[in-house]
N, C-alpha and C. Protein backbone atom coordinates (compact mmCIF):
# COMPACT_ATOMS: atom_id res chain seq x y z
N MET A 1 7.39 8.54 -18.59
CA MET A 1 6.00 8.53 -17.97
C MET A 1 5.34 9.73 -18.41
N GLY A 2 5.68 10.89 -18.56
CA GLY A 2 4.80 12.08 -18.95
C GLY A 2 3.76 12.57 -17.90
N TRP A 3 3.37 13.74 -18.17
CA TRP A 3 2.36 14.40 -17.36
C TRP A 3 0.78 13.91 -17.53
N ASN A 4 0.23 13.54 -16.55
CA ASN A 4 -1.39 13.13 -16.77
C ASN A 4 -2.12 14.38 -17.15
N LYS A 5 -3.01 14.16 -18.11
CA LYS A 5 -3.83 15.31 -18.39
C LYS A 5 -5.27 15.21 -17.64
N THR A 6 -5.53 14.09 -17.06
CA THR A 6 -6.75 13.99 -16.35
C THR A 6 -6.41 13.97 -15.07
N PRO A 7 -7.37 14.52 -14.08
CA PRO A 7 -7.26 14.54 -12.73
C PRO A 7 -7.48 12.99 -12.08
N VAL A 8 -6.82 12.80 -11.02
CA VAL A 8 -7.01 11.52 -10.19
C VAL A 8 -8.27 11.67 -9.56
N ARG A 9 -9.03 10.47 -9.74
CA ARG A 9 -10.40 10.23 -9.18
C ARG A 9 -10.32 9.98 -7.74
N ASP A 10 -11.35 10.23 -6.78
CA ASP A 10 -11.19 9.83 -5.54
C ASP A 10 -11.20 8.32 -5.36
N ASN A 11 -12.01 7.67 -6.24
CA ASN A 11 -12.12 6.20 -6.10
C ASN A 11 -10.88 5.46 -6.30
N GLN A 12 -9.83 6.25 -6.99
CA GLN A 12 -8.56 5.58 -7.17
C GLN A 12 -7.73 5.50 -6.07
N TRP A 13 -8.01 6.37 -5.07
CA TRP A 13 -7.14 6.33 -3.92
C TRP A 13 -7.79 6.75 -2.32
N ARG A 14 -8.81 7.28 -2.36
CA ARG A 14 -9.43 7.70 -1.18
C ARG A 14 -10.16 6.63 -0.25
N VAL A 15 -9.97 6.41 0.83
CA VAL A 15 -10.55 5.61 1.95
C VAL A 15 -12.05 5.88 1.95
N HIS A 16 -13.01 5.05 1.81
CA HIS A 16 -14.39 5.17 2.24
C HIS A 16 -14.54 5.86 3.70
N PRO A 17 -15.31 6.81 3.79
CA PRO A 17 -15.30 7.58 5.03
C PRO A 17 -15.84 6.76 6.29
N TYR A 18 -16.65 5.82 6.12
CA TYR A 18 -17.24 4.89 7.17
C TYR A 18 -16.37 3.71 7.49
N TRP A 19 -15.38 3.56 6.97
CA TRP A 19 -14.62 2.24 7.03
C TRP A 19 -14.10 2.22 8.45
N THR A 20 -13.99 1.03 9.00
CA THR A 20 -13.44 0.86 10.42
C THR A 20 -11.85 0.45 10.23
N LYS A 21 -11.22 0.48 11.20
CA LYS A 21 -9.81 -0.09 11.32
C LYS A 21 -9.68 -1.51 10.78
N GLN A 22 -10.72 -2.42 11.09
CA GLN A 22 -10.72 -3.76 10.73
C GLN A 22 -10.95 -3.96 9.16
N SER A 23 -11.80 -3.24 8.72
CA SER A 23 -11.98 -3.27 7.17
C SER A 23 -10.85 -2.74 6.47
N GLN A 24 -10.13 -1.81 6.93
CA GLN A 24 -8.97 -1.25 6.29
C GLN A 24 -7.77 -2.26 6.35
N ALA A 25 -7.62 -2.89 7.45
CA ALA A 25 -6.68 -3.97 7.68
C ALA A 25 -6.78 -5.05 6.74
N LEU A 26 -8.10 -5.58 6.58
CA LEU A 26 -8.63 -6.54 5.70
C LEU A 26 -8.18 -6.06 4.23
N GLU A 27 -8.39 -4.89 3.79
CA GLU A 27 -8.08 -4.42 2.63
C GLU A 27 -6.83 -4.58 2.22
N GLN A 28 -5.80 -4.37 3.30
CA GLN A 28 -4.52 -4.18 3.08
C GLN A 28 -4.04 -5.69 2.92
N ASP A 29 -4.57 -6.51 3.74
CA ASP A 29 -4.26 -7.86 3.61
C ASP A 29 -4.74 -8.63 2.48
N GLN A 30 -5.76 -8.31 1.92
CA GLN A 30 -6.05 -8.86 0.48
C GLN A 30 -5.21 -8.26 -0.63
N ALA A 31 -4.75 -6.90 -0.51
CA ALA A 31 -3.94 -6.52 -1.45
C ALA A 31 -2.63 -6.99 -1.57
N ALA A 32 -2.06 -7.26 -0.17
CA ALA A 32 -0.74 -7.85 -0.17
C ALA A 32 -0.57 -9.24 -0.44
N GLY A 33 -1.68 -10.03 -0.37
CA GLY A 33 -1.96 -11.53 -0.63
C GLY A 33 -1.72 -12.29 0.65
N GLY A 34 -2.34 -11.51 1.63
CA GLY A 34 -2.28 -12.21 3.11
C GLY A 34 -1.61 -11.33 4.00
N ARG A 35 -1.95 -11.78 5.28
CA ARG A 35 -1.46 -10.94 6.35
C ARG A 35 -0.02 -11.10 6.70
N GLY A 36 0.45 -12.43 6.42
CA GLY A 36 1.94 -12.62 6.42
C GLY A 36 2.69 -11.93 5.40
N ARG A 37 2.14 -11.59 4.20
CA ARG A 37 2.99 -10.91 3.20
C ARG A 37 3.11 -9.35 3.51
N ARG A 38 2.47 -8.92 4.77
CA ARG A 38 2.78 -7.63 5.18
C ARG A 38 3.80 -7.38 6.16
N VAL A 39 4.38 -8.36 6.65
CA VAL A 39 5.35 -8.51 7.70
C VAL A 39 6.76 -7.77 7.05
N MET A 40 7.28 -6.85 7.69
CA MET A 40 8.59 -6.23 7.03
C MET A 40 9.62 -7.32 7.29
N GLN A 41 10.61 -7.12 6.28
CA GLN A 41 11.78 -8.21 6.40
C GLN A 41 12.73 -7.96 7.34
N ASP A 42 13.07 -6.63 7.77
CA ASP A 42 13.99 -6.44 8.66
C ASP A 42 13.64 -6.45 10.16
N CYS A 43 12.37 -6.10 10.34
CA CYS A 43 12.09 -5.78 11.75
C CYS A 43 10.78 -6.65 12.37
N GLY A 44 10.06 -7.25 11.17
CA GLY A 44 8.98 -8.05 11.74
C GLY A 44 7.58 -7.10 11.95
N ALA A 45 7.82 -5.95 11.64
CA ALA A 45 6.52 -4.89 11.85
C ALA A 45 5.53 -5.11 10.62
N LEU A 46 4.45 -4.83 10.93
CA LEU A 46 3.41 -4.87 9.91
C LEU A 46 3.23 -3.61 9.27
N GLY A 47 3.36 -3.87 7.88
CA GLY A 47 3.48 -2.58 7.00
C GLY A 47 2.03 -2.24 6.42
N ARG A 48 1.92 -1.06 6.03
CA ARG A 48 0.72 -0.61 5.16
C ARG A 48 1.06 0.24 4.19
N VAL A 49 0.33 0.41 3.01
CA VAL A 49 0.48 1.01 1.92
C VAL A 49 -0.26 2.27 1.97
N ILE A 50 0.15 3.45 1.83
CA ILE A 50 -0.63 4.80 1.85
C ILE A 50 -0.64 5.27 0.39
N LEU A 51 -1.72 5.60 -0.21
CA LEU A 51 -1.67 6.35 -1.51
C LEU A 51 -2.02 7.78 -1.31
N ARG A 52 -1.11 8.52 -2.05
CA ARG A 52 -1.13 9.92 -1.98
C ARG A 52 -1.23 10.56 -3.23
N ARG A 53 -2.12 11.40 -3.45
CA ARG A 53 -2.32 12.21 -4.68
C ARG A 53 -1.42 13.66 -4.55
N ARG A 54 -0.74 13.84 -5.61
CA ARG A 54 0.15 14.97 -5.83
C ARG A 54 -0.13 15.49 -7.21
N TYR A 55 -0.72 16.54 -7.25
CA TYR A 55 -1.07 17.35 -8.48
C TYR A 55 -1.95 16.30 -9.34
N LEU A 56 -1.49 15.76 -10.42
CA LEU A 56 -2.28 15.00 -11.29
C LEU A 56 -1.66 13.54 -11.14
N ARG A 57 -1.02 13.21 -10.10
CA ARG A 57 -0.32 11.80 -10.23
C ARG A 57 -0.67 11.35 -8.81
N LEU A 58 -0.55 9.83 -8.71
CA LEU A 58 -0.78 9.04 -7.62
C LEU A 58 0.42 8.26 -7.07
N TYR A 59 0.84 8.44 -5.87
CA TYR A 59 1.96 7.81 -5.42
C TYR A 59 1.60 6.77 -4.34
N ALA A 60 2.43 5.70 -4.26
CA ALA A 60 2.36 4.71 -3.20
C ALA A 60 3.55 4.77 -2.30
N GLU A 61 3.26 4.64 -1.05
CA GLU A 61 4.25 4.72 -0.07
C GLU A 61 4.00 3.72 1.08
N LEU A 62 5.04 2.77 1.33
CA LEU A 62 5.04 1.87 2.36
C LEU A 62 5.48 2.43 3.79
N ARG A 63 4.56 2.29 4.91
CA ARG A 63 4.73 2.70 6.07
C ARG A 63 4.66 1.60 7.17
N TRP A 64 5.59 1.74 8.14
CA TRP A 64 5.66 0.87 9.23
C TRP A 64 6.22 1.48 10.53
N GLN A 65 6.14 0.71 11.68
CA GLN A 65 6.34 1.52 12.89
C GLN A 65 7.44 0.63 13.66
N ILE A 66 8.47 1.26 14.09
CA ILE A 66 9.40 0.54 15.00
C ILE A 66 9.69 1.23 16.30
N ASN A 67 9.32 0.81 17.36
CA ASN A 67 9.65 1.28 18.66
C ASN A 67 8.88 2.84 18.69
N LYS A 68 7.73 2.80 18.18
CA LYS A 68 6.84 4.07 18.23
C LYS A 68 7.41 5.01 17.36
N LYS A 69 8.38 4.75 16.43
CA LYS A 69 9.02 5.62 15.52
C LYS A 69 8.43 5.08 13.90
N GLU A 70 7.87 6.17 13.30
CA GLU A 70 7.27 6.08 11.96
C GLU A 70 8.33 5.92 10.91
N CYS A 71 8.32 4.79 10.13
CA CYS A 71 9.35 4.67 9.07
C CYS A 71 8.49 4.64 7.68
N SER A 72 8.98 5.03 6.63
CA SER A 72 8.38 4.88 5.36
C SER A 72 9.45 4.84 4.29
N LYS A 73 8.86 4.31 3.15
CA LYS A 73 9.86 4.06 1.80
C LYS A 73 8.78 4.43 0.66
N PHE A 74 9.36 5.02 -0.22
CA PHE A 74 8.66 5.50 -1.48
C PHE A 74 8.45 4.05 -2.25
N LEU A 75 7.27 3.73 -2.96
CA LEU A 75 7.30 2.67 -3.84
C LEU A 75 7.37 2.96 -5.16
N CYS A 76 6.29 3.49 -5.59
CA CYS A 76 5.96 3.74 -7.05
C CYS A 76 5.02 4.73 -7.34
N GLU A 77 4.78 5.03 -8.50
CA GLU A 77 3.68 5.97 -9.02
C GLU A 77 2.53 4.76 -9.48
N VAL A 78 1.39 4.86 -9.13
CA VAL A 78 0.39 3.91 -9.56
C VAL A 78 -0.96 4.67 -10.36
N SER A 79 -1.35 3.84 -11.16
CA SER A 79 -2.35 4.51 -12.08
C SER A 79 -3.81 3.68 -12.49
N ALA A 80 -3.84 2.66 -11.71
CA ALA A 80 -5.19 1.76 -11.87
C ALA A 80 -6.34 2.61 -11.72
N ASN A 81 -7.56 1.98 -12.28
CA ASN A 81 -8.84 2.68 -12.06
C ASN A 81 -9.59 2.35 -10.66
N SER A 82 -8.85 1.60 -9.78
CA SER A 82 -9.55 1.44 -8.43
C SER A 82 -8.52 1.44 -7.36
N ARG A 83 -9.10 1.70 -6.09
CA ARG A 83 -8.10 1.72 -4.98
C ARG A 83 -7.53 0.29 -4.71
N ALA A 84 -8.24 -0.76 -4.98
CA ALA A 84 -7.86 -2.13 -4.69
C ALA A 84 -6.79 -2.40 -5.63
N ALA A 85 -6.85 -2.05 -6.86
CA ALA A 85 -6.03 -2.29 -7.88
C ALA A 85 -4.73 -1.52 -7.53
N ASN A 86 -4.66 -0.26 -7.28
CA ASN A 86 -3.55 0.57 -6.77
C ASN A 86 -2.90 0.02 -5.60
N LEU A 87 -3.65 -0.50 -4.58
CA LEU A 87 -3.01 -1.12 -3.50
C LEU A 87 -2.16 -2.44 -3.90
N ALA A 88 -2.70 -3.18 -4.55
CA ALA A 88 -2.27 -4.36 -5.10
C ALA A 88 -0.81 -4.36 -5.79
N ALA A 89 -1.08 -3.25 -6.70
CA ALA A 89 0.49 -2.74 -7.44
C ALA A 89 1.40 -2.38 -6.60
N ALA A 90 1.15 -1.61 -5.56
CA ALA A 90 2.03 -0.99 -4.82
C ALA A 90 2.57 -2.20 -3.68
N TRP A 91 1.77 -3.16 -3.35
CA TRP A 91 2.27 -4.28 -2.52
C TRP A 91 3.28 -5.10 -3.38
N GLN A 92 2.81 -5.42 -4.65
CA GLN A 92 3.68 -6.11 -5.63
C GLN A 92 5.00 -5.40 -5.71
N ARG A 93 5.17 -4.13 -5.85
CA ARG A 93 6.39 -3.55 -5.78
C ARG A 93 7.22 -3.79 -4.54
N ALA A 94 6.49 -3.64 -3.34
CA ALA A 94 7.23 -3.85 -2.11
C ALA A 94 7.78 -5.18 -2.01
N HIS A 95 6.96 -6.21 -2.55
CA HIS A 95 7.52 -7.71 -2.58
C HIS A 95 8.71 -7.63 -3.57
N GLU A 96 8.74 -6.98 -4.67
CA GLU A 96 9.74 -7.05 -5.62
C GLU A 96 11.06 -6.44 -5.03
N LEU A 97 11.02 -5.53 -4.38
CA LEU A 97 12.00 -4.80 -3.73
C LEU A 97 12.60 -5.40 -2.39
N GLY A 98 11.91 -6.34 -2.17
CA GLY A 98 12.37 -7.35 -0.96
C GLY A 98 12.29 -6.74 0.33
N LEU A 99 11.19 -5.75 0.57
CA LEU A 99 11.00 -5.14 1.89
C LEU A 99 10.06 -6.01 2.76
N THR A 100 9.35 -6.95 2.10
CA THR A 100 8.33 -7.63 3.05
C THR A 100 9.06 -9.12 3.21
N SER A 101 8.59 -9.90 4.24
CA SER A 101 9.02 -11.39 4.19
C SER A 101 8.26 -12.12 3.24
N PRO A 102 9.02 -12.98 2.50
CA PRO A 102 8.44 -13.84 1.48
C PRO A 102 7.54 -15.10 2.06
N THR A 103 7.47 -15.29 3.35
CA THR A 103 6.70 -16.23 3.81
C THR A 103 5.10 -15.92 4.00
N THR A 104 4.28 -16.79 3.99
CA THR A 104 2.88 -16.34 4.18
C THR A 104 2.41 -17.07 5.48
N VAL A 105 1.40 -16.76 6.00
CA VAL A 105 0.81 -17.45 7.13
C VAL A 105 -0.23 -18.40 6.70
N LYS A 106 -0.12 -19.65 7.22
CA LYS A 106 -0.97 -20.48 6.84
C LYS A 106 -2.38 -20.54 7.47
N SER A 107 -3.40 -20.72 6.94
CA SER A 107 -4.81 -20.69 7.41
C SER A 107 -5.29 -22.02 7.74
C-alpha cells in the first residue's frame, strides 16, 4: 500500500452538515445493499460504517450497540473518490468478513 502523497478530501468521508438522522440512515442502507444487510450476525443489532481520516489515509470502521455498550470492528482502508463509494466498499468488506447477516428484508 504505500503512503498517500495527496491529502484526503472532505467529500471522500465527511457527512454533509445539514443531514438528518433519517438521511444518514438511508445513506447507510443504500451502501449496505438494504436495511436488512446492516443487521449484525451475532446479536441482531443494526450496524453503521464510520469513515475516519488519519493523516493521509482514510479508514472504515463498523460500529453497533449491544445493551447500551458500543462495539466496533476495524474493516479496511478505503480510497474511493466519494463518500458513497467508500461506504459501499466498507460494507462489502463487512459482508465478506461475515459480520452481517446474509438475508435481506423483502420490500
